């Protein structure tokens, strides 16, 4: 099993920056692609970005140029650096990991961390 724990959320003014962390534990060697998602109240959960084991990154159009994903495999940690934050970035941010098991792929989710951007 893989357990994911997000941290770093909080309240920030528009235009500010924030860095989120996702710490993985358990069978971390089985983790493959990881990603960040977010969900605002009354909204569907949406993809923020993905990062592969080799470091290839893809971002949603809404965050390109403002957010940056990185991954420290030695520390089993993924990060989301957020800059030029906007009120519409307000959401619960979730960490996700694809896990390769003997029976196939599985998915692990963190509990989420709240990011609130004030105007």
Protein backbone atom coordinates (compact mmCIF):
# COMPACT_ATOMS: atom_id res chain seq x y z
CA UNK A 1 0.00 0.00 0.00
CA UNK A 2 0.97 3.63 -0.52
CA UNK A 3 -0.09 6.44 1.79
CA UNK A 4 0.02 10.06 0.63
CA UNK A 5 -0.06 13.11 2.89
CA UNK A 6 -0.36 16.66 1.56
CA UNK A 7 0.83 19.73 3.43
CA UNK A 8 1.53 23.40 2.84
CA UNK A 9 -1.95 24.72 2.20
CA UNK A 10 -3.21 27.93 3.71
CA UNK A 11 -4.49 31.43 3.09
CA UNK A 12 -2.64 33.67 0.66
CA UNK A 13 -3.40 36.96 -1.07
CA UNK A 14 -3.90 37.15 -4.81
CA UNK A 15 -0.57 37.39 -6.56
CA UNK A 16 1.19 35.50 -3.80
CA UNK A 17 2.95 32.14 -3.77
CA UNK A 18 2.59 28.87 -1.94
CA UNK A 19 4.33 25.50 -2.08
CA UNK A 20 2.50 22.26 -1.44
CA UNK A 21 4.18 18.99 -0.54
CA UNK A 22 3.03 15.41 -0.95
CA UNK A 23 4.89 12.85 1.14
CA UNK A 24 4.54 9.19 0.19
CA UNK A 25 5.09 6.20 2.44
CA UNK A 26 4.60 2.46 2.21
CA UNK A 27 5.52 0.68 -1.01
CA UNK A 28 6.95 3.81 -2.57
CA UNK A 29 9.10 1.84 -5.01
CA UNK A 30 5.88 0.82 -6.72
CA UNK A 31 4.81 4.41 -7.43
CA UNK A 32 4.78 5.45 -11.06
CA UNK A 33 3.16 8.64 -12.35
CA UNK A 34 2.07 11.15 -9.72
CA UNK A 35 -0.15 14.17 -10.01
CA UNK A 36 -1.91 17.09 -8.39
CA UNK A 37 -5.65 17.61 -8.58
CA UNK A 38 -7.93 20.21 -7.04
CA UNK A 39 -11.59 20.56 -6.18
CA UNK A 40 -13.56 23.65 -5.27
CA UNK A 41 -16.92 23.44 -3.42
CA UNK A 42 -19.67 22.44 -5.81
CA UNK A 43 -17.16 21.74 -8.56
CA UNK A 44 -15.75 18.56 -10.05
CA UNK A 45 -12.23 17.52 -9.19
CA UNK A 46 -9.88 18.66 -11.93
CA UNK A 47 -6.36 17.83 -13.01
CA UNK A 48 -3.66 20.35 -12.17
CA UNK A 49 -0.64 18.48 -13.49
CA UNK A 50 1.14 15.16 -13.81
CA UNK A 51 4.76 14.09 -13.46
CA UNK A 52 6.19 10.79 -14.67
CA UNK A 53 9.01 8.83 -13.00
CA UNK A 54 11.45 10.25 -15.56
CA UNK A 55 10.34 13.82 -14.89
CA UNK A 56 8.05 14.54 -17.82
CA UNK A 57 5.44 17.08 -16.71
CA UNK A 58 2.09 18.14 -18.11
CA UNK A 59 -0.03 21.01 -16.80
CA UNK A 60 -3.60 22.10 -17.17
CA UNK A 61 -3.92 25.22 -19.31
CA UNK A 62 -5.31 27.16 -16.37
CA UNK A 63 -2.06 26.89 -14.41
CA UNK A 64 0.62 26.89 -17.12
CA UNK A 65 3.29 29.47 -16.44
CA UNK A 66 2.20 29.86 -12.81
CA UNK A 67 2.50 26.42 -11.22
CA UNK A 68 5.48 24.07 -11.22
CA UNK A 69 5.55 20.40 -10.26
CA UNK A 70 8.71 18.70 -9.06
CA UNK A 71 9.55 15.31 -7.62
CA UNK A 72 12.27 14.20 -5.23
CA UNK A 73 12.41 10.43 -5.54
CA UNK A 74 15.04 10.08 -2.82
CA UNK A 75 12.63 11.71 -0.36
CA UNK A 76 9.50 10.14 -1.85
CA UNK A 77 8.03 13.62 -2.09
CA UNK A 78 6.27 15.58 -4.81
CA UNK A 79 5.86 19.36 -4.75
CA UNK A 80 3.60 21.94 -6.29
CA UNK A 81 5.05 25.45 -6.41
CA UNK A 82 2.25 27.93 -7.01
CA UNK A 83 2.90 31.53 -8.02
CA UNK A 84 0.77 34.46 -9.18
CA UNK A 85 -2.16 32.90 -7.37
CA UNK A 86 -5.68 33.92 -8.28
CA UNK A 87 -8.94 33.66 -6.30
CA UNK A 88 -10.08 31.01 -8.78
CA UNK A 89 -7.20 28.81 -7.59
CA UNK A 90 -9.03 28.39 -4.29
CA UNK A 91 -9.69 24.68 -3.77
CA UNK A 92 -8.71 21.59 -1.88
CA UNK A 93 -5.58 20.25 -3.51
CA UNK A 94 -5.06 16.50 -3.67
CA UNK A 95 -2.03 14.36 -4.34
CA UNK A 96 -2.46 11.24 -6.47
CA UNK A 97 -0.13 8.34 -7.22
CA UNK A 98 -0.40 5.47 -9.66
CA UNK A 99 0.96 2.30 -8.10
CA UNK A 100 2.11 -0.77 -10.00
CA UNK A 101 1.13 -3.96 -8.19
CA UNK A 102 1.49 -7.59 -9.19
CA UNK A 103 -2.17 -7.63 -10.21
CA UNK A 104 -1.96 -4.36 -12.10
CA UNK A 105 -2.28 -0.66 -11.44
CA UNK A 106 -3.82 0.85 -8.35
CA UNK A 107 -4.36 4.48 -7.34
CA UNK A 108 -3.70 6.22 -4.03
CA UNK A 109 -5.07 9.62 -2.97
CA UNK A 110 -4.11 11.93 -0.16
CA UNK A 111 -6.65 13.61 2.10
CA UNK A 112 -6.12 17.02 0.55
CA UNK A 113 -4.94 20.40 1.74
CA UNK A 114 -6.96 23.62 1.55
CA UNK A 115 -5.65 26.54 -0.49
CA UNK A 116 -7.55 29.80 -0.19
CA UNK A 117 -6.62 32.83 -2.28
CA UNK A 118 -8.11 36.12 -1.17
CA UNK A 119 -8.66 39.15 -3.38
